[in-house]
Structure formats: C-alpha cells, structure tokens
Amino acid sequence: MRATAFLILAVATSAFATSFVPPQKRDVYSPNKEYFVRVDPQRNKLTVYRTTSPKRALWSIERPIWLEEYFISDSGSAVVFVAWEFVRTDQLNEPALIVYTSEGIALSKTYKEISKPRRIALNEVGPIGSFWRIWKEKNIQTPDSVKVSPVGRDTVTVTFETKNKEG
C-alpha cells in the first residue's frame, strides 16, 4: 500500500515538473555560408570558423550554453546571442541579447530593456511555474542584421556594422 501511494505521488509530481533536453553541439552558418560558429555546450564555448578552414578557429568566446539562439554575420566578425523565449521573473535584469566580437561583448541588453515579458497563457505550451514569462515572439536573420520581436515593444534590429539600431 505504501509503495503504491509513493509511486502515485512520484508520478504525479514528475507530471507537473518541467524537464529539458540538454543542448547539443551544433554549427550555425552565416547567411552567405562563408563562416560558421560552433556552439559547444560541453565546453561552454562559441568558436568561429571560416567554412573553407573548418579546423582553424578564427576567434572564440566562453559562455554558458543553454537553449538560446545564435546568429553569425556574413563577415564572421560578430555573433549575436538571443536568449530562449522563456525567462524566469528573477532573471529579468540579465542579458537577453548580446553581440560578441573577437574583442568580447560589443552590446548587451537585458530582458527589461527590450521587452515587457508576459505570463504564459493557459493555452500556450511552455515551462511549468507561475514565475515563467515569455519575452519574445521570433527572431529573423538577414545578411546584415538580426531582428528580434520582443513582447510589448518595437522590434529590435541588431545590424552587424553599426551594432545596434532600435525601431
């Protein structure tokens, strides 16, 4: 009887928990396919390569890797980090968008600076918990920019040449 009650409690508890598939190593290519960034979650590293020399790293940045998206410029000179669409309320002052170059961080914007995160609606799929929020709708990459559509604010456009333009 106790074993059955424990099993029911364990199954019910895990049914209401959020679990994630760990991120996998992947290569993200520039629009012109001349460069790529290797996103390596095991090493917590972003490494930029020229497609014609895939064994010779041009530059790299160390950072934690999770479920975010990365975009690389046609020149291989910049990598844009855009955080996962869901954010916990205790993370709203952390970076949601970062532009990296070989010199380090060229631009960083928090969730609060570029978005008005909202609660997850009952009919939406997302992590379980009242502390989760949605901060963006989608990302679009063009040859010279990345456009992020945040919740409750105007689209943010990061151009690779001028680093940042909002509008």
Protein backbone atom coordinates (compact mmCIF):
# COMPACT_ATOMS: atom_id res chain seq x y z
CA MET A 1 0.00 0.00 0.00
CA ARG A 2 2.75 2.45 0.92
CA ALA A 3 4.68 1.55 -2.23
CA THR A 4 1.62 2.22 -4.36
CA ALA A 5 0.99 5.58 -2.68
CA PHE A 6 4.64 6.55 -3.15
CA LEU A 7 4.55 5.53 -6.82
CA ILE A 8 1.39 7.59 -7.42
CA LEU A 9 2.94 10.59 -5.67
CA ALA A 10 6.18 10.25 -7.64
CA VAL A 11 4.38 10.01 -10.99
CA ALA A 12 2.04 12.92 -10.17
CA THR A 13 4.96 15.10 -9.03
CA SER A 14 7.00 14.43 -12.18
CA ALA A 15 3.96 15.05 -14.38
CA PHE A 16 3.89 18.67 -13.17
CA ALA A 17 7.65 19.28 -13.41
CA THR A 18 9.46 20.93 -16.27
CA SER A 19 12.30 18.95 -17.76
CA PHE A 20 14.58 19.96 -20.62
CA VAL A 21 16.59 18.11 -23.22
CA PRO A 22 20.20 19.24 -22.79
CA PRO A 23 21.61 21.33 -25.65
CA GLN A 24 23.71 19.57 -28.30
CA LYS A 25 26.84 20.73 -30.11
CA ARG A 26 25.85 22.43 -33.36
CA ASP A 27 27.19 24.63 -36.14
CA VAL A 28 25.34 27.83 -37.10
CA TYR A 29 26.18 29.25 -40.54
CA SER A 30 26.24 32.83 -41.76
CA PRO A 31 23.67 33.74 -44.44
CA ASN A 32 26.39 33.62 -47.13
CA LYS A 33 27.65 30.25 -45.75
CA GLU A 34 31.26 31.53 -45.63
CA TYR A 35 31.52 31.38 -41.81
CA PHE A 36 30.06 29.34 -39.00
CA VAL A 37 30.02 29.42 -35.23
CA ARG A 38 30.37 26.12 -33.40
CA VAL A 39 28.15 26.16 -30.32
CA ASP A 40 29.66 23.68 -27.86
CA PRO A 41 27.68 23.23 -24.60
CA GLN A 42 30.13 20.69 -23.18
CA ARG A 43 32.98 23.23 -23.33
CA ASN A 44 30.74 26.32 -22.82
CA LYS A 45 32.33 27.86 -25.89
CA LEU A 46 31.42 29.63 -29.13
CA THR A 47 34.10 29.23 -31.80
CA VAL A 48 34.05 31.00 -35.17
CA TYR A 49 35.49 29.30 -38.29
CA ARG A 50 35.72 30.06 -41.98
CA THR A 51 33.85 27.35 -43.90
CA THR A 52 36.90 26.74 -46.12
CA SER A 53 39.08 26.16 -43.00
CA PRO A 54 36.84 24.28 -40.55
CA LYS A 55 39.74 23.15 -38.35
CA ARG A 56 41.31 26.61 -37.83
CA ALA A 57 39.49 28.74 -35.28
CA LEU A 58 39.35 32.47 -36.02
CA TRP A 59 38.17 33.51 -32.56
CA SER A 60 36.17 32.17 -29.65
CA ILE A 61 34.19 33.25 -26.59
CA GLU A 62 33.46 31.24 -23.47
CA ARG A 63 29.93 31.45 -22.11
CA PRO A 64 27.29 29.10 -20.67
CA ILE A 65 25.26 27.42 -23.42
CA TRP A 66 21.58 26.58 -22.94
CA LEU A 67 18.51 26.80 -25.23
CA GLU A 68 19.33 30.18 -26.79
CA GLU A 69 19.80 31.01 -30.46
CA TYR A 70 22.97 32.23 -32.14
CA PHE A 71 23.46 34.13 -35.39
CA ILE A 72 26.73 34.91 -37.18
CA SER A 73 27.48 37.77 -39.55
CA ASP A 74 28.47 37.29 -43.19
CA SER A 75 31.97 38.55 -42.34
CA GLY A 76 32.39 36.21 -39.34
CA SER A 77 33.19 39.24 -37.19
CA ALA A 78 30.14 39.13 -34.91
CA VAL A 79 27.96 36.52 -33.22
CA VAL A 80 24.57 37.50 -31.82
CA PHE A 81 23.16 35.66 -28.80
CA VAL A 82 19.37 35.80 -28.37
CA ALA A 83 18.06 34.16 -25.20
CA TRP A 84 15.42 31.45 -25.11
CA GLU A 85 11.87 32.76 -25.44
CA PHE A 86 11.06 31.92 -21.80
CA VAL A 87 12.56 33.71 -18.80
CA ARG A 88 12.08 33.40 -15.05
CA THR A 89 10.98 36.54 -13.21
CA ASP A 90 14.21 36.53 -11.19
CA GLN A 91 16.24 36.80 -14.42
CA LEU A 92 14.67 39.93 -15.95
CA ASN A 93 17.76 42.06 -15.30
CA GLU A 94 20.06 39.58 -17.05
CA PRO A 95 21.10 39.81 -20.73
CA ALA A 96 18.54 38.70 -23.31
CA LEU A 97 20.58 39.87 -26.30
CA ILE A 98 24.37 40.04 -26.63
CA VAL A 99 26.61 40.86 -29.59
CA TYR A 100 30.02 39.19 -29.36
CA THR A 101 33.10 40.05 -31.41
CA SER A 102 36.66 38.79 -31.16
CA GLU A 103 37.23 41.62 -28.64
CA GLY A 104 34.41 40.47 -26.32
CA ILE A 105 30.95 41.91 -25.72
CA ALA A 106 30.09 44.75 -28.10
CA LEU A 107 26.45 45.14 -26.98
CA SER A 108 24.30 43.72 -24.18
CA LYS A 109 20.60 44.34 -23.47
CA THR A 110 18.51 42.92 -20.62
CA TYR A 111 15.03 41.44 -20.87
CA LYS A 112 13.59 44.52 -19.14
CA GLU A 113 15.37 46.92 -21.51
CA ILE A 114 13.96 45.43 -24.71
CA SER A 115 10.77 43.62 -23.69
CA LYS A 116 7.72 43.61 -21.44
CA PRO A 117 7.65 39.91 -20.52
CA ARG A 118 4.18 38.45 -20.02
CA ARG A 119 2.75 35.39 -18.29
CA ILE A 120 2.30 32.19 -20.27
CA ALA A 121 -1.36 31.80 -21.24
CA LEU A 122 -3.29 28.67 -20.28
CA ASN A 123 -3.50 27.53 -23.91
CA GLU A 124 0.25 28.02 -24.57
CA VAL A 125 2.95 25.40 -24.26
CA GLY A 126 5.86 26.37 -22.03
CA PRO A 127 7.67 25.65 -18.79
CA ILE A 128 5.53 24.98 -15.74
CA GLY A 129 5.51 27.54 -12.94
CA SER A 130 3.96 30.94 -12.25
CA PHE A 131 7.45 32.53 -12.32
CA TRP A 132 7.97 31.87 -16.06
CA ARG A 133 7.39 34.62 -18.64
CA ILE A 134 7.54 34.93 -22.44
CA TRP A 135 9.79 37.81 -23.54
CA LYS A 136 9.96 37.46 -27.36
CA GLU A 137 7.96 36.16 -30.29
CA LYS A 138 10.55 35.42 -33.01
CA ASN A 139 13.98 36.16 -34.50
CA ILE A 140 14.77 36.79 -38.16
CA GLN A 141 18.26 36.96 -39.67
CA THR A 142 19.04 38.88 -42.84
CA PRO A 143 22.50 39.10 -44.42
CA ASP A 144 23.36 42.23 -42.39
CA SER A 145 21.15 42.06 -39.29
CA VAL A 146 19.16 40.09 -36.74
CA LYS A 147 15.63 41.25 -35.90
CA VAL A 148 14.11 40.28 -32.56
CA SER A 149 10.38 40.74 -31.93
CA PRO A 150 10.03 41.26 -28.17
CA VAL A 151 6.72 41.13 -26.31
CA GLY A 152 5.15 44.56 -25.76
CA ARG A 153 7.86 46.59 -27.51
CA ASP A 154 9.05 47.52 -31.01
CA THR A 155 11.25 45.17 -32.98
CA VAL A 156 14.93 45.40 -32.05
CA THR A 157 17.30 45.26 -35.03
CA VAL A 158 20.96 44.48 -34.46
CA THR A 159 22.99 45.37 -37.53
CA PHE A 160 26.40 43.81 -37.78
CA GLU A 161 28.08 47.01 -38.97
CA THR A 162 26.55 49.57 -36.59
CA LYS A 163 25.95 47.07 -33.72
CA ASN A 164 22.52 48.35 -32.67
CA LYS A 165 19.53 50.16 -34.09
CA GLU A 166 16.11 50.10 -32.50
CA GLY A 167 12.96 50.74 -34.46
